[in-house]
């Protein structure tokens, strides 16, 4: 999901930085993404990805998908792969809603 600034608290940059620092530069996923169920993801920020293409950039995921809920226990620093996999179902629901809304909007003007 694209970053929509209004959905995040004003101090989001500081929160994100703190959570990424907490991770010591390593993805904090322990299988939430559907992979590596018995171990922590090995991907490290700034290094070449082991399981994907490119360089790892840690992002901060909201485990309950509520952007304003910035409690530490609701946030994890995840590599791109884990974050995308973790959010996959959420993205699909939002994409369906967007397609439905666009179709309804189009019907108004046909």
Protein backbone atom coordinates (compact mmCIF):
# COMPACT_ATOMS: atom_id res chain seq x y z
CA UNK A 1 0.00 0.00 0.00
CA UNK A 2 1.40 3.39 -0.85
CA UNK A 3 2.46 5.69 1.97
CA UNK A 4 -0.39 8.10 2.70
CA UNK A 5 1.06 10.69 5.07
CA UNK A 6 -2.28 11.67 6.63
CA UNK A 7 -2.80 8.13 7.95
CA UNK A 8 0.37 8.24 10.06
CA UNK A 9 1.21 10.22 13.19
CA UNK A 10 3.27 13.37 12.69
CA UNK A 11 6.26 11.78 14.42
CA UNK A 12 6.25 8.70 12.14
CA UNK A 13 9.81 9.30 10.87
CA UNK A 14 11.13 9.14 14.44
CA UNK A 15 9.02 6.07 15.28
CA UNK A 16 10.16 4.28 12.13
CA UNK A 17 13.80 5.10 12.82
CA UNK A 18 13.52 3.81 16.40
CA UNK A 19 11.92 0.51 15.33
CA UNK A 20 14.54 -0.05 12.62
CA UNK A 21 17.28 0.70 15.19
CA UNK A 22 15.70 -1.83 17.56
CA UNK A 23 16.14 -4.49 14.88
CA UNK A 24 19.93 -3.99 14.74
CA UNK A 25 19.61 -3.79 10.95
CA UNK A 26 18.03 -7.21 10.56
CA UNK A 27 14.52 -8.16 9.47
CA UNK A 28 12.42 -8.95 12.57
CA UNK A 29 10.13 -11.44 10.81
CA UNK A 30 9.74 -14.80 12.58
CA UNK A 31 7.38 -16.32 10.03
CA UNK A 32 4.61 -13.71 10.01
CA UNK A 33 5.14 -13.55 6.24
CA UNK A 34 4.54 -17.27 5.79
CA UNK A 35 8.22 -18.21 5.42
CA UNK A 36 10.99 -19.28 7.85
CA UNK A 37 8.55 -20.51 10.53
CA UNK A 38 11.16 -21.67 13.03
CA UNK A 39 13.76 -18.96 12.60
CA UNK A 40 14.21 -15.25 12.11
CA UNK A 41 14.64 -13.88 8.59
CA UNK A 42 18.31 -13.49 7.70
CA UNK A 43 18.01 -10.36 5.53
CA UNK A 44 20.03 -7.33 6.67
CA UNK A 45 19.54 -3.68 5.82
CA UNK A 46 21.88 -2.37 3.11
CA UNK A 47 23.13 -5.81 2.08
CA UNK A 48 22.44 -7.68 -1.14
CA UNK A 49 19.29 -9.75 -0.70
CA UNK A 50 19.84 -13.48 -0.15
CA UNK A 51 16.39 -14.56 -1.31
CA UNK A 52 15.42 -11.79 -3.75
CA UNK A 53 17.03 -9.31 -6.14
CA UNK A 54 18.53 -6.02 -5.08
CA UNK A 55 19.57 -4.47 -1.80
CA UNK A 56 17.60 -4.87 1.41
CA UNK A 57 15.80 -1.83 2.78
CA UNK A 58 14.11 -2.34 6.11
CA UNK A 59 10.61 -0.92 6.35
CA UNK A 60 8.29 -0.80 9.35
CA UNK A 61 5.12 -2.87 9.24
CA UNK A 62 1.97 -2.33 11.30
CA UNK A 63 1.00 -5.85 12.33
CA UNK A 64 -2.68 -4.92 12.66
CA UNK A 65 -2.61 -2.73 9.50
CA UNK A 66 -3.74 0.36 11.45
CA UNK A 67 -1.26 3.12 10.62
CA UNK A 68 -2.05 5.24 13.68
CA UNK A 69 -1.41 2.29 16.06
CA UNK A 70 2.28 2.81 16.71
CA UNK A 71 2.73 0.78 19.86
CA UNK A 72 6.07 -1.05 19.81
CA UNK A 73 4.34 -4.44 19.96
CA UNK A 74 2.38 -3.56 16.80
CA UNK A 75 5.47 -2.60 14.77
CA UNK A 76 8.21 -4.69 13.21
CA UNK A 77 11.13 -3.81 10.96
CA UNK A 78 10.75 -6.06 7.92
CA UNK A 79 12.67 -6.51 4.69
CA UNK A 80 10.75 -5.76 1.49
CA UNK A 81 10.00 -9.42 0.81
CA UNK A 82 8.58 -10.16 4.26
CA UNK A 83 6.63 -6.88 4.38
CA UNK A 84 5.00 -7.48 0.98
CA UNK A 85 4.13 -11.07 1.86
CA UNK A 86 2.78 -10.05 5.28
CA UNK A 87 0.57 -7.35 3.73
CA UNK A 88 -0.52 -9.45 0.71
CA UNK A 89 -4.07 -10.22 1.91
CA UNK A 90 -4.56 -6.63 3.07
CA UNK A 91 -3.42 -5.35 -0.34
CA UNK A 92 -5.82 -7.68 -2.15
CA UNK A 93 -8.80 -6.47 -0.12
CA UNK A 94 -7.88 -2.83 -0.75
CA UNK A 95 -7.35 -3.50 -4.47
CA UNK A 96 -10.83 -5.05 -4.72
CA UNK A 97 -12.37 -2.04 -2.97
CA UNK A 98 -10.52 0.33 -5.30
CA UNK A 99 -11.59 -1.56 -8.44
CA UNK A 100 -15.19 -1.66 -7.20
CA UNK A 101 -15.17 2.08 -6.44
CA UNK A 102 -13.69 2.91 -9.85
CA UNK A 103 -16.27 0.75 -11.60
CA UNK A 104 -19.11 2.40 -9.66
CA UNK A 105 -17.69 5.85 -10.44
CA UNK A 106 -17.46 4.97 -14.13
CA UNK A 107 -21.08 3.80 -14.18
CA UNK A 108 -22.18 7.26 -13.03
CA UNK A 109 -20.76 8.78 -16.20
CA UNK A 110 -21.81 6.23 -18.85
